[in-house]
C-alpha cells in the first residue's frame, strides 16, 4: 500500500512540500516576468534577481544547520512558511499601491531565500524521523516526483497567470501556496525528541559544530565527490535557467503564456527522473545509475541553445526534459544515500554544509548568466552555460563513483578505493 494512503503524517508533509514547490515554481516564472514586463529590467538585473534568492545559502547556510540540529524541525518549517507567505503577499500589495520596484523584488528575494534556507535544511533532517528506514526510498521517490510534477504545474501556471491576470498575481498565488503548506505542517502529529543542549558556550559550540559538518564532507570521498559535483553543476544550471525566460521572450519571440508552457514541458522530465531513479538503481546499482542520470542525460542540454521559432522550440523541450530527468533522478539517489550514510545527529549539519557549498554556487551561476547575456548576447550565453552542465559531470568520472556499482549504505561499510585509502577519519557524532 502506498505511503500516501497508510501514513497520515507523511501525507501531510507531502501535501505541504508539494504546495510550497508549486508556489516557488510560479514565482520562478512570475518574478522574472514582473521584472521584464512591468519594471522593464535589463538582463543583468534579472540575473541578479535570481542570484538574490540563493545568496542566503552563502551567508547563513552553515550556521543554519547547527541551529536546525538544536531545534525541533517542524516549528522551523512552520515559521519559514509563514514568513514566505507574508512576503509574497506584500509584493502584490506594493504593486496595487504603485510602490513596486526592482529593489523591492530583490529584498523579497533575499528574505524568502533566507526562509528557504531554514525550511529546506529542517525538511531534509525531519523526513527520516517521520518514516522508517525501509520506507525512506519510497518516500524520497514520491516527494521528489510530486515536487517535479508541482514544479511543472507551477511553471505552466506562472506563465498562464502572467498572461491572463498579470505577473504580479502569480506572486499572490505563491503566497496562497505557502499558507496551504503552513496548514498541512501544523496538522502533523509526529513530535521529535528534545535536542540536547550544547555543553560549551554558544559561540564556541557553534564554531565547533559547523566544523564537524565541514570535516564530515571534506574528509569523506563519497560526500566530497557528490558535493563538488553538485556545486559545479549548479553554476551551469542556474546560469542557463536565470536567463531562459529572457531568452525565450526576447530572442525567440514567445508570449509569456507560451514561455510558461515550454518551461513546464521541459520540467516534466523531473517526474520521469524521480520514478525512474529507483528502477535504474535496482538494475544497474546506485552509483552507476547516478552516472547515467547526472552525466549521460546532461549531454542533451546542448539542444537548448538551438531553440528558435516554430518547430525548433522542441529543442528547448527535449533538452530541458533530459536535464530535468537527470537532476531530479540524481537528487532522489543522493537523498537516500545521505539519509542512510549519515548519523541522525549530524544530518542537519550535513544538509546545511552540502547545501552551503552546492546552493552557494547558484548566485554565482545566476550572475554569470546575466553577465554573459548582457555582454555576449543571450544565445551565446545559453551555449556557454548549457555546455557546463555535462562538463560538471566529469567530476564523477574522477571519483569513487566511477569504480563502484553502488553507493555505500553506511560509513563503516563504505568501500575506500585504493587512491583514497589514506583519507582522514570522519568525526564521531
Protein backbone atom coordinates (compact mmCIF):
# COMPACT_ATOMS: atom_id res chain seq x y z
CA UNK A 1 0.00 0.00 0.00
CA UNK A 2 1.30 3.46 -0.91
CA UNK A 3 2.77 5.63 1.83
CA UNK A 4 0.30 8.36 0.85
CA UNK A 5 -2.57 6.07 1.83
CA UNK A 6 -1.25 4.48 5.01
CA UNK A 7 0.87 7.22 6.64
CA UNK A 8 -1.05 10.33 7.71
CA UNK A 9 1.94 12.43 8.76
CA UNK A 10 3.82 11.64 5.56
CA UNK A 11 0.71 12.57 3.56
CA UNK A 12 0.54 15.96 5.27
CA UNK A 13 4.27 16.53 4.80
CA UNK A 14 3.88 15.56 1.14
CA UNK A 15 0.97 17.98 0.67
CA UNK A 16 2.82 20.83 2.37
CA UNK A 17 6.02 20.33 0.40
CA UNK A 18 4.15 19.91 -2.89
CA UNK A 19 2.16 23.11 -2.33
CA UNK A 20 5.32 25.05 -1.49
CA UNK A 21 7.12 23.71 -4.56
CA UNK A 22 4.20 24.66 -6.78
CA UNK A 23 4.25 28.21 -5.44
CA UNK A 24 8.02 28.50 -5.78
CA UNK A 25 7.74 27.39 -9.41
CA UNK A 26 5.08 30.01 -10.09
CA UNK A 27 7.50 32.56 -8.67
CA UNK A 28 10.32 31.20 -10.84
CA UNK A 29 8.39 32.38 -13.89
CA UNK A 30 6.39 35.25 -12.41
CA UNK A 31 9.27 37.10 -10.72
CA UNK A 32 11.40 37.47 -13.89
CA UNK A 33 8.27 38.36 -15.87
CA UNK A 34 7.38 41.08 -13.34
CA UNK A 35 10.89 42.47 -13.70
CA UNK A 36 10.90 42.26 -17.50
CA UNK A 37 7.33 43.25 -18.39
CA UNK A 38 6.24 45.52 -15.50
CA UNK A 39 9.54 47.13 -14.50
CA UNK A 40 11.45 46.83 -17.82
CA UNK A 41 14.51 45.39 -16.07
CA UNK A 42 17.63 44.51 -18.05
CA UNK A 43 19.18 41.05 -18.47
CA UNK A 44 21.74 41.65 -15.71
CA UNK A 45 19.03 42.79 -13.26
CA UNK A 46 17.03 39.63 -13.98
CA UNK A 47 20.13 37.53 -13.30
CA UNK A 48 20.76 39.49 -10.10
CA UNK A 49 17.19 38.76 -9.01
CA UNK A 50 17.80 35.02 -9.38
CA UNK A 51 21.09 35.32 -7.51
CA UNK A 52 19.46 37.15 -4.59
CA UNK A 53 17.13 34.24 -3.89
CA UNK A 54 20.09 31.90 -3.37
CA UNK A 55 22.61 34.28 -1.78
CA UNK A 56 21.46 33.47 1.82
CA UNK A 57 22.94 29.98 1.45
CA UNK A 58 26.37 31.59 1.28
CA UNK A 59 25.71 33.88 4.24
CA UNK A 60 23.89 31.68 6.78
CA UNK A 61 23.91 28.21 5.23
CA UNK A 62 26.49 26.73 7.61
CA UNK A 63 25.20 28.01 10.98
CA UNK A 64 21.62 27.23 9.90
CA UNK A 65 22.47 23.52 10.00
CA UNK A 66 23.68 23.78 13.59
CA UNK A 67 20.61 25.75 14.67
CA UNK A 68 18.29 23.26 12.98
CA UNK A 69 20.02 20.34 14.73
CA UNK A 70 19.42 22.08 18.07
CA UNK A 71 15.72 22.84 17.47
CA UNK A 72 12.59 20.84 16.65
CA UNK A 73 12.45 20.87 12.85
CA UNK A 74 8.68 21.26 12.37
CA UNK A 75 8.41 24.70 14.09
CA UNK A 76 11.32 25.89 11.95
CA UNK A 77 9.42 24.86 8.80
CA UNK A 78 6.23 26.48 10.07
CA UNK A 79 7.96 29.80 10.73
CA UNK A 80 9.63 29.72 7.31
CA UNK A 81 6.34 29.06 5.50
CA UNK A 82 4.59 31.88 7.40
CA UNK A 83 7.32 34.41 6.60
CA UNK A 84 7.32 33.50 2.91
CA UNK A 85 3.54 33.79 2.73
CA UNK A 86 3.58 37.31 4.17
CA UNK A 87 6.44 38.49 1.97
CA UNK A 88 4.91 37.37 -1.32
CA UNK A 89 1.55 38.83 -0.33
CA UNK A 90 3.41 42.06 0.41
CA UNK A 91 4.74 42.23 -3.16
CA UNK A 92 1.21 42.11 -4.55
CA UNK A 93 0.11 44.79 -2.06
CA UNK A 94 3.03 47.02 -3.08
CA UNK A 95 2.09 46.64 -6.75
CA UNK A 96 -1.52 47.62 -6.06
CA UNK A 97 -0.25 50.71 -4.22
CA UNK A 98 2.11 51.65 -7.05
CA UNK A 99 5.25 51.08 -4.93
CA UNK A 100 6.72 48.10 -6.79
CA UNK A 101 10.39 48.35 -7.79
CA UNK A 102 13.34 46.16 -8.68
CA UNK A 103 14.84 47.00 -5.27
CA UNK A 104 11.73 45.67 -3.52
CA UNK A 105 11.82 42.47 -5.58
CA UNK A 106 15.49 41.98 -4.65
CA UNK A 107 14.68 42.48 -0.96
CA UNK A 108 11.84 39.98 -1.07
CA UNK A 109 14.03 37.50 -2.96
CA UNK A 110 16.72 37.80 -0.25
CA UNK A 111 14.27 37.39 2.65
CA UNK A 112 12.32 34.50 1.14
CA UNK A 113 15.64 32.92 0.23
CA UNK A 114 16.64 33.16 3.89
CA UNK A 115 13.40 31.46 4.91
CA UNK A 116 14.07 28.75 2.32
CA UNK A 117 17.49 28.03 3.88
CA UNK A 118 15.85 27.13 7.17
CA UNK A 119 12.90 25.31 5.58
CA UNK A 120 14.99 23.09 3.31
CA UNK A 121 17.56 22.31 5.99
CA UNK A 122 14.88 21.40 8.53
CA UNK A 123 12.83 19.46 5.97
CA UNK A 124 15.75 17.24 4.91
CA UNK A 125 16.55 16.43 8.54
CA UNK A 126 12.88 15.96 9.53
CA UNK A 127 11.88 13.34 6.96
CA UNK A 128 13.96 10.43 8.37
CA UNK A 129 12.22 10.91 11.72
CA UNK A 130 8.78 10.62 10.13
CA UNK A 131 9.49 7.48 8.09
CA UNK A 132 11.00 4.13 8.98
CA UNK A 133 14.29 3.36 7.15
CA UNK A 134 12.61 0.80 4.89
CA UNK A 135 10.06 3.41 3.78
CA UNK A 136 12.57 6.17 3.06
CA UNK A 137 13.44 5.16 -0.55
CA UNK A 138 9.74 5.16 -1.48
CA UNK A 139 9.20 8.39 0.43
CA UNK A 140 12.10 10.12 -1.34
CA UNK A 141 10.84 9.00 -4.75
CA UNK A 142 7.28 10.17 -4.04
CA UNK A 143 8.40 13.51 -2.62
CA UNK A 144 10.80 14.26 -5.46
CA UNK A 145 8.33 13.01 -8.06
CA UNK A 146 5.45 15.08 -6.75
CA UNK A 147 7.76 18.07 -6.34
CA UNK A 148 8.69 17.78 -10.02
CA UNK A 149 5.02 17.48 -11.00
CA UNK A 150 4.22 20.54 -8.87
CA UNK A 151 7.11 22.38 -10.47
CA UNK A 152 5.75 21.59 -13.92
CA UNK A 153 2.27 22.76 -12.98
CA UNK A 154 3.67 25.85 -11.28
CA UNK A 155 5.82 26.85 -14.23
CA UNK A 156 2.88 26.49 -16.60
CA UNK A 157 0.54 28.27 -14.20
CA UNK A 158 3.05 31.09 -13.72
CA UNK A 159 3.10 31.85 -17.42
CA UNK A 160 -0.67 31.47 -17.76
CA UNK A 161 -1.43 33.70 -14.76
CA UNK A 162 1.02 36.30 -16.05
CA UNK A 163 -0.69 36.36 -19.43
CA UNK A 164 -4.27 36.38 -18.17
CA UNK A 165 -4.09 38.34 -14.91
CA UNK A 166 -0.65 39.95 -14.76
CA UNK A 167 2.67 38.64 -13.47
CA UNK A 168 2.21 40.20 -10.02
CA UNK A 169 -0.80 37.99 -9.38
CA UNK A 170 1.45 34.99 -9.86
CA UNK A 171 3.30 36.06 -6.71
CA UNK A 172 -0.01 36.37 -4.86
CA UNK A 173 -0.80 32.78 -5.87
CA UNK A 174 2.56 31.80 -4.36
CA UNK A 175 1.56 33.40 -1.05
CA UNK A 176 -1.55 31.20 -1.01
CA UNK A 177 0.50 28.04 -1.54
CA UNK A 178 2.71 28.85 1.44
CA UNK A 179 -0.45 29.24 3.51
CA UNK A 180 -1.52 25.74 2.43
CA UNK A 181 1.94 24.46 3.33
CA UNK A 182 1.70 26.05 6.79
CA UNK A 183 -1.69 24.45 7.49
CA UNK A 184 -0.50 20.99 6.40
CA UNK A 185 2.66 21.14 8.51
CA UNK A 186 0.68 22.39 11.53
CA UNK A 187 -1.50 19.26 11.43
CA UNK A 188 1.38 16.76 11.57
CA UNK A 189 1.24 14.76 14.81
CA UNK A 190 4.83 13.48 14.86
CA UNK A 191 6.93 15.19 17.52
CA UNK A 192 10.70 14.95 17.69
CA UNK A 193 12.63 14.23 20.89
CA UNK A 194 14.00 17.34 22.54
CA UNK A 195 17.51 18.15 21.32
CA UNK A 196 20.28 18.10 23.91
CA UNK A 197 21.69 21.44 25.00
CA UNK A 198 25.26 22.12 23.81
CA UNK A 199 27.83 21.67 26.58
CA UNK A 200 30.08 24.58 25.56
CA UNK A 201 29.26 28.27 25.28
CA UNK A 202 27.11 29.34 22.32
CA UNK A 203 29.88 30.80 20.15
CA UNK A 204 32.36 28.02 20.80
CA UNK A 205 29.69 25.35 20.32
CA UNK A 206 28.50 26.92 17.08
CA UNK A 207 32.01 27.07 15.60
CA UNK A 208 32.76 23.51 16.70
CA UNK A 209 29.55 22.10 15.28
CA UNK A 210 29.94 23.96 11.99
CA UNK A 211 33.44 22.49 11.82
CA UNK A 212 32.04 19.00 12.34
CA UNK A 213 29.81 19.41 9.29
CA UNK A 214 32.69 20.71 7.17
CA UNK A 215 35.02 17.91 8.25
CA UNK A 216 32.32 15.33 7.61
CA UNK A 217 32.08 16.42 3.95
CA UNK A 218 35.75 17.27 3.34
CA UNK A 219 37.07 14.07 4.93
CA UNK A 220 34.84 11.61 3.11
CA UNK A 221 35.49 10.85 -0.60
CA UNK A 222 31.85 9.95 -1.29
CA UNK A 223 30.30 13.04 0.30
CA UNK A 224 33.05 15.24 -1.09
CA UNK A 225 32.58 13.95 -4.65
CA UNK A 226 28.81 14.39 -4.72
CA UNK A 227 29.07 17.85 -3.13
CA UNK A 228 31.74 19.11 -5.53
CA UNK A 229 29.78 17.76 -8.49
CA UNK A 230 26.57 19.45 -7.36
CA UNK A 231 28.39 22.75 -6.77
CA UNK A 232 29.91 22.72 -10.27
CA UNK A 233 26.67 21.59 -11.88
CA UNK A 234 24.60 24.30 -10.19
CA UNK A 235 26.78 27.06 -11.65
CA UNK A 236 25.90 25.90 -15.15
CA UNK A 237 22.28 25.04 -14.38
CA UNK A 238 21.48 28.38 -12.81
CA UNK A 239 23.47 30.19 -15.48
CA UNK A 240 21.09 28.95 -18.14
CA UNK A 241 17.96 29.00 -16.00
CA UNK A 242 18.48 32.59 -14.89
CA UNK A 243 18.23 33.90 -18.47
CA UNK A 244 15.97 31.30 -20.12
CA UNK A 245 12.81 33.39 -19.67
CA UNK A 246 14.50 36.45 -21.18
CA UNK A 247 15.96 34.26 -23.96
CA UNK A 248 12.56 32.82 -24.87
CA UNK A 249 10.80 36.19 -24.76
CA UNK A 250 13.36 38.47 -26.39
CA UNK A 251 15.42 36.17 -28.63
CA UNK A 252 12.91 33.51 -29.65
CA UNK A 253 9.96 35.96 -29.50
CA UNK A 254 7.45 33.93 -27.48
CA UNK A 255 4.48 35.17 -25.41
CA UNK A 256 4.54 34.76 -21.59
CA UNK A 257 1.91 32.01 -21.65
CA UNK A 258 3.91 30.04 -24.22
CA UNK A 259 7.09 30.51 -22.18
CA UNK A 260 5.42 29.03 -19.10
CA UNK A 261 4.13 26.09 -21.12
CA UNK A 262 7.54 25.33 -22.65
CA UNK A 263 9.35 25.58 -19.31
CA UNK A 264 6.73 23.30 -17.76
CA UNK A 265 7.06 20.75 -20.58
CA UNK A 266 10.83 20.73 -20.14
CA UNK A 267 10.40 20.28 -16.41
CA UNK A 268 8.25 17.18 -16.95
CA UNK A 269 11.49 15.26 -17.14
CA UNK A 270 11.78 15.66 -13.39
CA UNK A 271 8.77 13.41 -12.81
CA UNK A 272 10.18 10.77 -15.11
CA UNK A 273 13.58 11.01 -13.45
CA UNK A 274 12.18 10.72 -9.93
CA UNK A 275 10.33 7.50 -10.61
CA UNK A 276 12.96 6.04 -12.93
CA UNK A 277 15.75 6.51 -10.37
CA UNK A 278 14.77 3.52 -8.19
CA UNK A 279 14.34 1.25 -11.22
CA UNK A 280 17.69 2.25 -12.65
CA UNK A 281 19.36 1.82 -9.26
CA UNK A 282 17.83 -1.65 -8.86
CA UNK A 283 19.04 -2.74 -12.28
CA UNK A 284 22.45 -1.09 -12.54
CA UNK A 285 23.31 -0.08 -8.96
CA UNK A 286 23.01 3.32 -7.31
CA UNK A 287 26.48 4.54 -8.33
CA UNK A 288 26.07 3.55 -12.00
CA UNK A 289 22.55 4.97 -12.08
CA UNK A 290 23.95 8.25 -10.75
CA UNK A 291 26.44 8.37 -13.62
CA UNK A 292 23.73 7.62 -16.17
CA UNK A 293 21.40 10.30 -14.81
CA UNK A 294 23.88 13.04 -13.99
CA UNK A 295 26.32 12.63 -16.89
CA UNK A 296 24.54 10.70 -19.66
CA UNK A 297 21.35 12.73 -19.74
CA UNK A 298 23.19 16.00 -19.13
CA UNK A 299 24.69 15.97 -22.63
CA UNK A 300 21.24 16.71 -24.09
CA UNK A 301 21.46 20.18 -22.53
CA UNK A 302 23.27 21.22 -25.71
CA UNK A 303 19.94 21.08 -27.56
CA UNK A 304 18.61 24.09 -25.64
CA UNK A 305 20.61 26.85 -27.43
CA UNK A 306 19.26 25.56 -30.77
CA UNK A 307 15.79 26.81 -29.82
CA UNK A 308 14.11 29.04 -32.39
CA UNK A 309 10.61 29.84 -33.61
CA UNK A 310 8.19 27.25 -34.95
CA UNK A 311 9.03 23.56 -34.55
CA UNK A 312 12.52 24.43 -33.30
CA UNK A 313 11.03 25.21 -29.88
CA UNK A 314 11.08 21.42 -29.41
CA UNK A 315 14.85 21.64 -28.95
CA UNK A 316 14.19 23.54 -25.72
CA UNK A 317 11.66 20.95 -24.54
CA UNK A 318 13.83 17.94 -25.40
CA UNK A 319 17.00 19.34 -23.87
CA UNK A 320 15.26 20.66 -20.77
CA UNK A 321 13.35 17.39 -20.31
CA UNK A 322 16.55 15.33 -20.24
CA UNK A 323 18.34 17.75 -17.93
CA UNK A 324 15.39 17.78 -15.50
CA UNK A 325 15.19 13.98 -15.53
CA UNK A 326 18.88 13.67 -14.73
CA UNK A 327 18.91 16.30 -12.00
CA UNK A 328 15.81 15.06 -10.13
CA UNK A 329 16.68 11.38 -10.54
CA UNK A 330 20.16 12.06 -9.21
CA UNK A 331 18.71 14.02 -6.29
CA UNK A 332 16.49 11.06 -5.34
CA UNK A 333 19.51 8.76 -5.16
CA UNK A 334 21.61 11.33 -3.31
CA UNK A 335 18.87 11.98 -0.73
CA UNK A 336 18.58 8.29 0.06
CA UNK A 337 22.35 7.98 0.28
CA UNK A 338 22.62 10.88 2.76
CA UNK A 339 19.84 9.53 4.96
CA UNK A 340 21.40 6.09 5.21
CA UNK A 341 25.03 7.14 5.32
CA UNK A 342 24.96 9.99 7.84
CA UNK A 343 24.26 9.63 11.60
CA UNK A 344 20.89 11.26 12.52
CA UNK A 345 22.56 13.69 14.92
CA UNK A 346 24.67 15.13 12.11
CA UNK A 347 22.06 15.11 9.36
CA UNK A 348 21.10 18.76 9.77
CA UNK A 349 24.74 19.83 9.64
CA UNK A 350 25.39 17.59 6.64
CA UNK A 351 22.39 19.09 4.84
CA UNK A 352 23.47 22.63 5.66
CA UNK A 353 27.12 22.04 4.74
CA UNK A 354 26.37 20.41 1.40
CA UNK A 355 23.66 22.99 0.69
CA UNK A 356 26.04 25.83 1.58
CA UNK A 357 28.56 24.51 -0.92
CA UNK A 358 26.10 23.50 -3.64
CA UNK A 359 23.42 26.18 -3.34
CA UNK A 360 26.14 28.73 -2.62
CA UNK A 361 27.30 28.46 -6.23
CA UNK A 362 23.81 29.20 -7.56
CA UNK A 363 24.07 33.00 -7.15
CA UNK A 364 27.40 32.82 -8.98
CA UNK A 365 25.73 30.94 -11.81
CA UNK A 366 22.86 33.41 -11.93
CA UNK A 367 25.25 36.36 -12.09
CA UNK A 368 27.30 34.54 -14.73
CA UNK A 369 24.20 34.05 -16.88
CA UNK A 370 23.27 37.71 -16.53
CA UNK A 371 26.78 38.95 -17.35
CA UNK A 372 27.16 36.63 -20.35
CA UNK A 373 23.72 37.54 -21.65
CA UNK A 374 24.42 41.27 -21.34
CA UNK A 375 27.92 41.20 -22.88
CA UNK A 376 27.87 38.34 -25.41
CA UNK A 377 24.19 38.01 -26.23
CA UNK A 378 21.53 35.64 -24.92
CA UNK A 379 22.08 32.77 -27.38
CA UNK A 380 25.84 32.75 -26.77
CA UNK A 381 25.19 32.78 -23.03
CA UNK A 382 22.92 29.75 -23.44
CA UNK A 383 25.64 27.87 -25.36
CA UNK A 384 28.28 28.54 -22.69
CA UNK A 385 26.12 27.72 -19.67
CA UNK A 386 24.47 24.58 -21.09
CA UNK A 387 27.89 23.22 -22.13
CA UNK A 388 28.91 23.48 -18.49
CA UNK A 389 26.20 21.00 -17.41
CA UNK A 390 27.77 17.85 -18.91
CA UNK A 391 31.27 19.15 -18.18
CA UNK A 392 30.39 19.23 -14.46
CA UNK A 393 29.62 15.50 -14.66
CA UNK A 394 33.31 14.82 -15.27
CA UNK A 395 33.79 15.26 -11.52
CA UNK A 396 32.01 11.92 -11.07
CA UNK A 397 34.35 10.17 -13.51
CA UNK A 398 37.40 11.01 -11.41
CA UNK A 399 35.94 9.71 -8.15
CA UNK A 400 34.99 6.51 -6.31
CA UNK A 401 31.57 6.66 -8.02
CA UNK A 402 33.04 5.55 -11.37
CA UNK A 403 34.65 2.44 -9.85
CA UNK A 404 31.61 1.25 -7.87
CA UNK A 405 28.30 -0.38 -8.63
CA UNK A 406 26.51 1.05 -5.57
CA UNK A 407 26.87 3.98 -3.24
CA UNK A 408 27.64 2.77 0.32
CA UNK A 409 24.85 2.46 2.86
CA UNK A 410 26.90 3.32 5.96
CA UNK A 411 30.22 4.89 6.84
CA UNK A 412 31.50 1.65 8.33
CA UNK A 413 30.73 -0.32 5.16
CA UNK A 414 31.93 2.34 2.71
CA UNK A 415 34.45 0.80 0.30
CA UNK A 416 37.50 3.04 0.10
CA UNK A 417 39.19 2.80 -3.29
CA UNK A 418 42.94 2.39 -3.25
CA UNK A 419 43.51 6.01 -4.23
CA UNK A 420 41.52 7.12 -1.17
CA UNK A 421 42.74 4.66 1.44
CA UNK A 422 44.64 7.29 3.42
CA UNK A 423 41.74 9.70 3.88
CA UNK A 424 41.40 11.10 7.43
CA UNK A 425 38.85 9.50 9.76
CA UNK A 426 35.39 11.01 9.95
CA UNK A 427 34.31 12.78 13.15
CA UNK A 428 32.12 10.78 15.51
CA UNK A 429 28.70 12.03 16.48
